[in-house]
Amino acid sequence: MRKDHRPYLIKKAWFGLQGFYLRHFFEPQLESLGANPYVVKPWHIEVFGAPVKIGSHVTLLGASDKKTRLTVWTDKSDVPGIEIGDHVLISPGVRISAAQEIIISDNCMIASNAYITDSDWHGIYDRSLPPATAGPVYLAPNVWIGDSAIVCKGVTIGENSIVGAGAVVSSDIPANVIAVGNPARVVKELDPNRTITTRKDRFSDVDRISMLLDNQDREMLRENTYLGWFRHLLFPSKNG
């Protein structure tokens, strides 16, 4: 990991800027946003259409080369849209596209470049029009979707299950299994005797975690100076 040359107060100001953008520009696009969201570079997270509901303690990550997109595209006014539960992790490049309903339950983790959709978006024979029906997608609690996986319309993925990187899920996946491939198939069952630690289990004490991270930043950045930071911006070094 390359050294962070920012002084502590500059890093705090950066997080403050992200928080301002989140509340002033990003949150008004949503039907609801729960408490304590952790959102990195919210200007790289795009919301189109409505409704989009996001729960508490979520982690949303955006990147300039991997924009995260939450889209509800329909001519109907009463669709459930996209609903994201508590303690969910959504990585850069994730696309969630709903014509009707996509539910991502508590503690789910979605890796970079994954795509979740409840529609084919074009008819098979009349490709000038969208299909007449969509199939709701449901991710049960604590599902893990791997990098670049695709979850298709009408799919339910059971609690705790893992979808491997690059898999294409076109039919239901039961709970407590690992599924891989195209089309995705179950290759392993999770050990029922092993305890599964969820994101809520790990990150539920928000105040404690915030204090620990802040103390860590103070310690790691305490010798950084404004002059050294400007020097690094103008003359970056291979040595960090």
C-alpha atoms as a PDB file:
ATOM      1  CA  MET A   1       0.000   0.000   0.000  1.00  0.00           C
ATOM      2  CA  ARG A   2       1.398   3.394  -1.002  1.00  0.00           C
ATOM      3  CA  LYS A   3       1.827   5.974   1.715  1.00  0.00           C
ATOM      4  CA  ASP A   4      -0.971   8.469   2.277  1.00  0.00           C
ATOM      5  CA  HIS A   5       0.770  11.854   2.312  1.00  0.00           C
ATOM      6  CA  ARG A   6      -2.274  13.844   3.355  1.00  0.00           C
ATOM      7  CA  PRO A   7      -2.272  15.605   6.715  1.00  0.00           C
ATOM      8  CA  TYR A   8      -4.974  14.347   9.073  1.00  0.00           C
ATOM      9  CA  LEU A   9      -7.163  17.452   8.657  1.00  0.00           C
ATOM     10  CA  ILE A  10      -7.040  17.190   4.855  1.00  0.00           C
ATOM     11  CA  LYS A  11      -8.264  13.607   5.019  1.00  0.00           C
ATOM     12  CA  LYS A  12     -11.040  14.644   7.402  1.00  0.00           C
ATOM     13  CA  ALA A  13     -12.037  17.420   4.994  1.00  0.00           C
ATOM     14  CA  TRP A  14     -12.141  14.890   2.129  1.00  0.00           C
ATOM     15  CA  PHE A  15     -14.563  12.690   4.036  1.00  0.00           C
ATOM     16  CA  GLY A  16     -16.569  15.798   4.894  1.00  0.00           C
ATOM     17  CA  LEU A  17     -16.843  16.657   1.195  1.00  0.00           C
ATOM     18  CA  GLN A  18     -18.075  13.148   0.409  1.00  0.00           C
ATOM     19  CA  GLY A  19     -20.629  13.425   3.217  1.00  0.00           C
ATOM     20  CA  PHE A  20     -21.888  16.754   1.891  1.00  0.00           C
ATOM     21  CA  TYR A  21     -22.266  15.376  -1.631  1.00  0.00           C
ATOM     22  CA  LEU A  22     -24.023  12.311  -0.271  1.00  0.00           C
ATOM     23  CA  ARG A  23     -26.679  14.284   1.594  1.00  0.00           C
ATOM     24  CA  HIS A  24     -27.055  17.201  -0.814  1.00  0.00           C
ATOM     25  CA  PHE A  25     -26.950  15.472  -4.211  1.00  0.00           C
ATOM     26  CA  PHE A  26     -27.153  11.672  -3.824  1.00  0.00           C
ATOM     27  CA  GLU A  27     -29.750  11.088  -1.111  1.00  0.00           C
ATOM     28  CA  PRO A  28     -32.500  13.227  -2.773  1.00  0.00           C
ATOM     29  CA  GLN A  29     -32.486  10.772  -5.706  1.00  0.00           C
ATOM     30  CA  LEU A  30     -33.522   7.925  -3.392  1.00  0.00           C
ATOM     31  CA  GLU A  31     -36.851   6.953  -1.900  1.00  0.00           C
ATOM     32  CA  SER A  32     -35.014   6.418   1.387  1.00  0.00           C
ATOM     33  CA  LEU A  33     -31.499   6.063   2.810  1.00  0.00           C
ATOM     34  CA  GLY A  34     -30.918   4.574   6.244  1.00  0.00           C
ATOM     35  CA  ALA A  35     -28.564   5.649   9.015  1.00  0.00           C
ATOM     36  CA  ASN A  36     -24.774   5.542   8.894  1.00  0.00           C
ATOM     37  CA  PRO A  37     -24.104   4.942   5.200  1.00  0.00           C
ATOM     38  CA  TYR A  38     -20.454   4.587   4.204  1.00  0.00           C
ATOM     39  CA  VAL A  39     -20.212   5.843   0.640  1.00  0.00           C
ATOM     40  CA  VAL A  40     -16.911   6.308  -1.197  1.00  0.00           C
ATOM     41  CA  LYS A  41     -16.953   8.773  -4.115  1.00  0.00           C
ATOM     42  CA  PRO A  42     -20.748   9.084  -4.347  1.00  0.00           C
ATOM     43  CA  TRP A  43     -20.383  11.181  -7.525  1.00  0.00           C
ATOM     44  CA  HIS A  44     -19.479   7.909  -9.270  1.00  0.00           C
ATOM     45  CA  ILE A  45     -22.713   6.212  -8.157  1.00  0.00           C
ATOM     46  CA  GLU A  46     -25.563   6.823 -10.611  1.00  0.00           C
ATOM     47  CA  VAL A  47     -29.256   6.516  -9.799  1.00  0.00           C
ATOM     48  CA  PHE A  48     -31.817   6.473 -12.597  1.00  0.00           C
ATOM     49  CA  GLY A  49     -35.559   6.127 -12.074  1.00  0.00           C
ATOM     50  CA  ALA A  50     -37.487   5.270  -8.922  1.00  0.00           C
ATOM     51  CA  PRO A  51     -38.112   3.946  -6.393  1.00  0.00           C
ATOM     52  CA  VAL A  52     -34.713   3.014  -4.986  1.00  0.00           C
ATOM     53  CA  LYS A  53     -34.625   2.267  -1.251  1.00  0.00           C
ATOM     54  CA  ILE A  54     -31.381   1.737   0.680  1.00  0.00           C
ATOM     55  CA  GLY A  55     -31.167   0.559   4.282  1.00  0.00           C
ATOM     56  CA  SER A  56     -28.852   1.383   7.167  1.00  0.00           C
ATOM     57  CA  HIS A  57     -25.100   0.828   7.534  1.00  0.00           C
ATOM     58  CA  VAL A  58     -24.612   0.138   3.828  1.00  0.00           C
ATOM     59  CA  THR A  59     -21.245   0.375   2.088  1.00  0.00           C
ATOM     60  CA  LEU A  60     -21.447   1.780  -1.443  1.00  0.00           C
ATOM     61  CA  LEU A  61     -18.246   2.140  -3.432  1.00  0.00           C
ATOM     62  CA  GLY A  62     -17.887   4.165  -6.600  1.00  0.00           C
ATOM     63  CA  ALA A  63     -14.899   4.575  -8.936  1.00  0.00           C
ATOM     64  CA  SER A  64     -14.270   6.720 -11.999  1.00  0.00           C
ATOM     65  CA  ASP A  65     -13.562   3.701 -14.205  1.00  0.00           C
ATOM     66  CA  LYS A  66     -16.270   1.501 -12.641  1.00  0.00           C
ATOM     67  CA  LYS A  67     -19.394   3.521 -12.040  1.00  0.00           C
ATOM     68  CA  THR A  68     -21.995   1.894  -9.825  1.00  0.00           C
ATOM     69  CA  ARG A  69     -25.492   2.120 -11.358  1.00  0.00           C
ATOM     70  CA  LEU A  70     -28.900   1.635  -9.737  1.00  0.00           C
ATOM     71  CA  THR A  71     -31.592   1.801 -12.413  1.00  0.00           C
ATOM     72  CA  VAL A  72     -35.377   1.449 -12.376  1.00  0.00           C
ATOM     73  CA  TRP A  73     -36.654   1.580 -15.958  1.00  0.00           C
ATOM     74  CA  THR A  74     -40.387   1.131 -16.466  1.00  0.00           C
ATOM     75  CA  ASP A  75     -43.460   2.865 -17.825  1.00  0.00           C
ATOM     76  CA  LYS A  76     -45.442   1.787 -14.737  1.00  0.00           C
ATOM     77  CA  SER A  77     -45.882   4.027 -11.719  1.00  0.00           C
ATOM     78  CA  ASP A  78     -46.411   1.433  -8.987  1.00  0.00           C
ATOM     79  CA  VAL A  79     -43.470  -0.977  -9.243  1.00  0.00           C
ATOM     80  CA  PRO A  80     -41.535  -1.888  -6.078  1.00  0.00           C
ATOM     81  CA  GLY A  81     -38.233  -1.023  -7.802  1.00  0.00           C
ATOM     82  CA  ILE A  82     -34.926  -1.658  -6.038  1.00  0.00           C
ATOM     83  CA  GLU A  83     -34.751  -2.352  -2.318  1.00  0.00           C
ATOM     84  CA  ILE A  84     -31.381  -2.757  -0.605  1.00  0.00           C
ATOM     85  CA  GLY A  85     -31.277  -3.921   3.020  1.00  0.00           C
ATOM     86  CA  ASP A  86     -29.027  -3.126   5.983  1.00  0.00           C
ATOM     87  CA  HIS A  87     -25.266  -3.786   6.135  1.00  0.00           C
ATOM     88  CA  VAL A  88     -25.075  -4.474   2.390  1.00  0.00           C
ATOM     89  CA  LEU A  89     -21.787  -4.078   0.490  1.00  0.00           C
ATOM     90  CA  ILE A  90     -21.937  -2.907  -3.130  1.00  0.00           C
ATOM     91  CA  SER A  91     -18.563  -2.682  -4.888  1.00  0.00           C
ATOM     92  CA  PRO A  92     -17.469  -0.487  -7.825  1.00  0.00           C
ATOM     93  CA  GLY A  93     -18.937  -1.301 -11.210  1.00  0.00           C
ATOM     94  CA  VAL A  94     -22.037  -3.084  -9.907  1.00  0.00           C
ATOM     95  CA  ARG A  95     -25.165  -2.589 -12.041  1.00  0.00           C
ATOM     96  CA  ILE A  96     -28.628  -3.272 -10.673  1.00  0.00           C
ATOM     97  CA  SER A  97     -31.365  -2.803 -13.273  1.00  0.00           C
ATOM     98  CA  ALA A  98     -35.032  -3.276 -12.374  1.00  0.00           C
ATOM     99  CA  ALA A  99     -38.148  -3.186 -14.525  1.00  0.00           C
ATOM    100  CA  GLN A 100     -40.260  -4.457 -11.632  1.00  0.00           C
ATOM    101  CA  GLU A 101     -38.589  -5.592  -8.408  1.00  0.00           C
ATOM    102  CA  ILE A 102     -35.140  -6.471  -7.117  1.00  0.00           C
ATOM    103  CA  ILE A 103     -34.687  -7.125  -3.398  1.00  0.00           C
ATOM    104  CA  ILE A 104     -31.215  -7.382  -1.874  1.00  0.00           C
ATOM    105  CA  SER A 105     -31.582  -8.479   1.740  1.00  0.00           C
ATOM    106  CA  ASP A 106     -29.507  -7.626   4.800  1.00  0.00           C
ATOM    107  CA  ASN A 107     -25.768  -8.425   4.866  1.00  0.00           C
ATOM    108  CA  CYS A 108     -25.469  -9.252   1.172  1.00  0.00           C
ATOM    109  CA  MET A 109     -22.139  -8.607  -0.539  1.00  0.00           C
ATOM    110  CA  ILE A 110     -21.896  -7.821  -4.242  1.00  0.00           C
ATOM    111  CA  ALA A 111     -18.428  -7.774  -5.805  1.00  0.00           C
ATOM    112  CA  SER A 112     -17.173  -5.505  -8.580  1.00  0.00           C
ATOM    113  CA  ASN A 113     -18.802  -5.596 -12.020  1.00  0.00           C
ATOM    114  CA  ALA A 114     -21.665  -7.876 -10.995  1.00  0.00           C
ATOM    115  CA  TYR A 115     -24.944  -7.368 -12.868  1.00  0.00           C
ATOM    116  CA  ILE A 116     -28.400  -8.045 -11.425  1.00  0.00           C
ATOM    117  CA  THR A 117     -31.505  -7.629 -13.578  1.00  0.00           C
ATOM    118  CA  ASP A 118     -35.149  -8.672 -13.479  1.00  0.00           C
ATOM    119  CA  SER A 119     -35.781  -8.293 -17.227  1.00  0.00           C
ATOM    120  CA  ASP A 120     -34.433  -9.290 -20.641  1.00  0.00           C
ATOM    121  CA  TRP A 121     -35.088  -5.666 -21.751  1.00  0.00           C
ATOM    122  CA  HIS A 122     -35.964  -6.704 -25.305  1.00  0.00           C
ATOM    123  CA  GLY A 123     -38.497  -9.156 -26.703  1.00  0.00           C
ATOM    124  CA  ILE A 124     -37.168 -12.320 -28.326  1.00  0.00           C
ATOM    125  CA  TYR A 125     -39.042 -11.836 -31.604  1.00  0.00           C
ATOM    126  CA  ASP A 126     -40.031  -8.170 -31.473  1.00  0.00           C
ATOM    127  CA  ARG A 127     -36.769  -6.575 -30.440  1.00  0.00           C
ATOM    128  CA  SER A 128     -38.054  -3.051 -30.897  1.00  0.00           C
ATOM    129  CA  LEU A 129     -40.046  -3.334 -27.645  1.00  0.00           C
ATOM    130  CA  PRO A 130     -39.289  -4.449 -24.099  1.00  0.00           C
ATOM    131  CA  PRO A 131     -40.790  -7.773 -22.980  1.00  0.00           C
ATOM    132  CA  ALA A 132     -44.271  -7.671 -21.475  1.00  0.00           C
ATOM    133  CA  THR A 133     -43.255  -9.236 -18.175  1.00  0.00           C
ATOM    134  CA  ALA A 134     -40.338  -9.124 -15.772  1.00  0.00           C
ATOM    135  CA  GLY A 135     -39.373 -11.642 -13.119  1.00  0.00           C
ATOM    136  CA  PRO A 136     -38.594 -10.331  -9.616  1.00  0.00           C
ATOM    137  CA  VAL A 137     -35.143 -11.098  -8.229  1.00  0.00           C
ATOM    138  CA  TYR A 138     -34.634 -11.898  -4.553  1.00  0.00           C
ATOM    139  CA  LEU A 139     -31.303 -12.213  -2.766  1.00  0.00           C
ATOM    140  CA  ALA A 140     -31.887 -13.687   0.700  1.00  0.00           C
ATOM    141  CA  PRO A 141     -29.850 -12.467   3.692  1.00  0.00           C
ATOM    142  CA  ASN A 142     -26.076 -12.839   3.604  1.00  0.00           C
ATOM    143  CA  VAL A 143     -25.762 -13.796  -0.064  1.00  0.00           C
ATOM    144  CA  TRP A 144     -22.359 -13.195  -1.667  1.00  0.00           C
ATOM    145  CA  ILE A 145     -22.233 -12.434  -5.411  1.00  0.00           C
ATOM    146  CA  GLY A 146     -18.745 -12.810  -6.919  1.00  0.00           C
ATOM    147  CA  ASP A 147     -16.892 -10.552  -9.328  1.00  0.00           C
ATOM    148  CA  SER A 148     -18.565 -10.102 -12.746  1.00  0.00           C
ATOM    149  CA  ALA A 149     -21.359 -12.578 -11.970  1.00  0.00           C
ATOM    150  CA  ILE A 150     -24.754 -12.101 -13.631  1.00  0.00           C
ATOM    151  CA  VAL A 151     -28.069 -12.716 -11.868  1.00  0.00           C
ATOM    152  CA  CYS A 152     -30.960 -12.994 -14.338  1.00  0.00           C
ATOM    153  CA  LYS A 153     -34.685 -12.332 -14.069  1.00  0.00           C
ATOM    154  CA  GLY A 154     -36.922 -14.424 -11.845  1.00  0.00           C
ATOM    155  CA  VAL A 155     -34.053 -15.774  -9.728  1.00  0.00           C
ATOM    156  CA  THR A 156     -34.072 -16.356  -5.971  1.00  0.00           C
ATOM    157  CA  ILE A 157     -30.760 -17.013  -4.218  1.00  0.00           C
ATOM    158  CA  GLY A 158     -31.066 -18.623  -0.785  1.00  0.00           C
ATOM    159  CA  GLU A 159     -29.607 -17.407   2.491  1.00  0.00           C
ATOM    160  CA  ASN A 160     -25.806 -17.501   2.926  1.00  0.00           C
ATOM    161  CA  SER A 161     -25.185 -18.840  -0.577  1.00  0.00           C
ATOM    162  CA  ILE A 162     -22.198 -17.802  -2.665  1.00  0.00           C
ATOM    163  CA  VAL A 163     -22.205 -17.199  -6.421  1.00  0.00           C
ATOM    164  CA  GLY A 164     -18.731 -17.584  -7.911  1.00  0.00           C
ATOM    165  CA  ALA A 165     -16.948 -15.020 -10.052  1.00  0.00           C
ATOM    166  CA  GLY A 166     -18.225 -14.861 -13.621  1.00  0.00           C
ATOM    167  CA  ALA A 167     -21.180 -17.160 -12.986  1.00  0.00           C
ATOM    168  CA  VAL A 168     -24.472 -16.678 -14.830  1.00  0.00           C
ATOM    169  CA  VAL A 169     -27.442 -17.415 -12.565  1.00  0.00           C
ATOM    170  CA  SER A 170     -30.548 -18.149 -14.617  1.00  0.00           C
ATOM    171  CA  SER A 171     -32.427 -20.341 -12.124  1.00  0.00           C
ATOM    172  CA  ASP A 172     -32.924 -20.470  -8.358  1.00  0.00           C
ATOM    173  CA  ILE A 173     -30.004 -21.273  -6.054  1.00  0.00           C
ATOM    174  CA  PRO A 174     -30.844 -22.908  -2.685  1.00  0.00           C
ATOM    175  CA  ALA A 175     -29.579 -21.696   0.679  1.00  0.00           C
ATOM    176  CA  ASN A 176     -26.135 -22.511   2.089  1.00  0.00           C
ATOM    177  CA  VAL A 177     -24.382 -23.559  -1.111  1.00  0.00           C
ATOM    178  CA  ILE A 178     -21.688 -22.412  -3.529  1.00  0.00           C
ATOM    179  CA  ALA A 179     -22.702 -22.118  -7.182  1.00  0.00           C
ATOM    180  CA  VAL A 180     -20.371 -21.510 -10.129  1.00  0.00           C
ATOM    181  CA  GLY A 181     -20.334 -21.617 -13.928  1.00  0.00           C
ATOM    182  CA  ASN A 182     -22.552 -20.733 -16.880  1.00  0.00           C
ATOM    183  CA  PRO A 183     -25.267 -21.630 -16.234  1.00  0.00           C
ATOM    184  CA  ALA A 184     -24.538 -21.595 -12.507  1.00  0.00           C
ATOM    185  CA  ARG A 185     -24.795 -24.936 -10.743  1.00  0.00           C
ATOM    186  CA  VAL A 186     -24.237 -25.986  -7.153  1.00  0.00           C
ATOM    187  CA  VAL A 187     -20.772 -27.426  -6.574  1.00  0.00           C
ATOM    188  CA  LYS A 188     -20.572 -27.420  -2.788  1.00  0.00           C
ATOM    189  CA  GLU A 189     -22.721 -27.191   0.314  1.00  0.00           C
ATOM    190  CA  LEU A 190     -21.619 -25.019   3.228  1.00  0.00           C
ATOM    191  CA  ASP A 191     -20.671 -26.799   6.437  1.00  0.00           C
ATOM    192  CA  PRO A 192     -23.741 -26.637   8.727  1.00  0.00           C
ATOM    193  CA  ASN A 193     -21.452 -26.923  11.771  1.00  0.00           C
ATOM    194  CA  ARG A 194     -19.524 -23.751  10.966  1.00  0.00           C
ATOM    195  CA  THR A 195     -20.702 -20.371  12.226  1.00  0.00           C
ATOM    196  CA  ILE A 196     -21.136 -17.717   9.536  1.00  0.00           C
ATOM    197  CA  THR A 197     -20.110 -14.218  10.609  1.00  0.00           C
ATOM    198  CA  THR A 198     -22.152 -11.549   8.812  1.00  0.00           C
ATOM    199  CA  ARG A 199     -21.319  -7.928   8.100  1.00  0.00           C
ATOM    200  CA  LYS A 200     -23.730  -6.925  10.848  1.00  0.00           C
ATOM    201  CA  ASP A 201     -21.884  -9.136  13.327  1.00  0.00           C
ATOM    202  CA  ARG A 202     -18.600  -7.480  12.406  1.00  0.00           C
ATOM    203  CA  PHE A 203     -19.624  -3.860  11.918  1.00  0.00           C
ATOM    204  CA  SER A 204     -22.699  -3.288  14.100  1.00  0.00           C
ATOM    205  CA  ASP A 205     -20.903  -1.066  16.667  1.00  0.00           C
ATOM    206  CA  VAL A 206     -20.615   1.991  14.427  1.00  0.00           C
ATOM    207  CA  ASP A 207     -19.382   4.377  17.128  1.00  0.00           C
ATOM    208  CA  ARG A 208     -16.571   2.047  18.181  1.00  0.00           C
ATOM    209  CA  ILE A 209     -15.451   1.391  14.619  1.00  0.00           C
ATOM    210  CA  SER A 210     -15.506   5.100  13.774  1.00  0.00           C
ATOM    211  CA  MET A 211     -13.386   5.893  16.836  1.00  0.00           C
ATOM    212  CA  LEU A 212     -10.865   3.159  15.994  1.00  0.00           C
ATOM    213  CA  LEU A 213     -10.540   4.312  12.385  1.00  0.00           C
ATOM    214  CA  ASP A 214     -10.175   7.944  13.430  1.00  0.00           C
ATOM    215  CA  ASN A 215      -7.460   7.059  15.961  1.00  0.00           C
ATOM    216  CA  GLN A 216      -5.709   4.981  13.319  1.00  0.00           C
ATOM    217  CA  ASP A 217      -5.746   7.912  10.888  1.00  0.00           C
ATOM    218  CA  ARG A 218      -4.376  10.268  13.543  1.00  0.00           C
ATOM    219  CA  GLU A 219      -1.499   7.907  14.244  1.00  0.00           C
ATOM    220  CA  MET A 220      -0.662   7.047  10.631  1.00  0.00           C
ATOM    221  CA  LEU A 221      -0.841  10.658   9.387  1.00  0.00           C
ATOM    222  CA  ARG A 222       0.552  12.522  12.406  1.00  0.00           C
ATOM    223  CA  GLU A 223       3.984  13.174  10.835  1.00  0.00           C
ATOM    224  CA  ASN A 224       2.556  14.366   7.512  1.00  0.00           C
ATOM    225  CA  THR A 225       2.958  18.063   6.762  1.00  0.00           C
ATOM    226  CA  TYR A 226       1.176  20.366   4.323  1.00  0.00           C
ATOM    227  CA  LEU A 227       4.499  21.128   2.625  1.00  0.00           C
ATOM    228  CA  GLY A 228       5.255  17.428   2.208  1.00  0.00           C
ATOM    229  CA  TRP A 229       1.768  16.805   0.824  1.00  0.00           C
ATOM    230  CA  PHE A 230       2.111  19.608  -1.774  1.00  0.00           C
ATOM    231  CA  ARG A 231       5.576  18.350  -2.697  1.00  0.00           C
ATOM    232  CA  HIS A 232       4.170  14.864  -3.295  1.00  0.00           C
ATOM    233  CA  LEU A 233       1.317  16.250  -5.414  1.00  0.00           C
ATOM    234  CA  LEU A 234       3.728  18.156  -7.649  1.00  0.00           C
ATOM    235  CA  PHE A 235       6.634  15.687  -7.634  1.00  0.00           C
ATOM    236  CA  PRO A 236       5.353  12.172  -6.890  1.00  0.00           C
ATOM    237  CA  SER A 237       8.019   9.624  -6.046  1.00  0.00           C
ATOM    238  CA  LYS A 238       8.227   5.935  -6.897  1.00  0.00           C
ATOM    239  CA  ASN A 239       9.260   5.360  -3.305  1.00  0.00           C
ATOM    240  CA  GLY A 240       5.835   6.512  -2.100  1.00  0.00           C
END
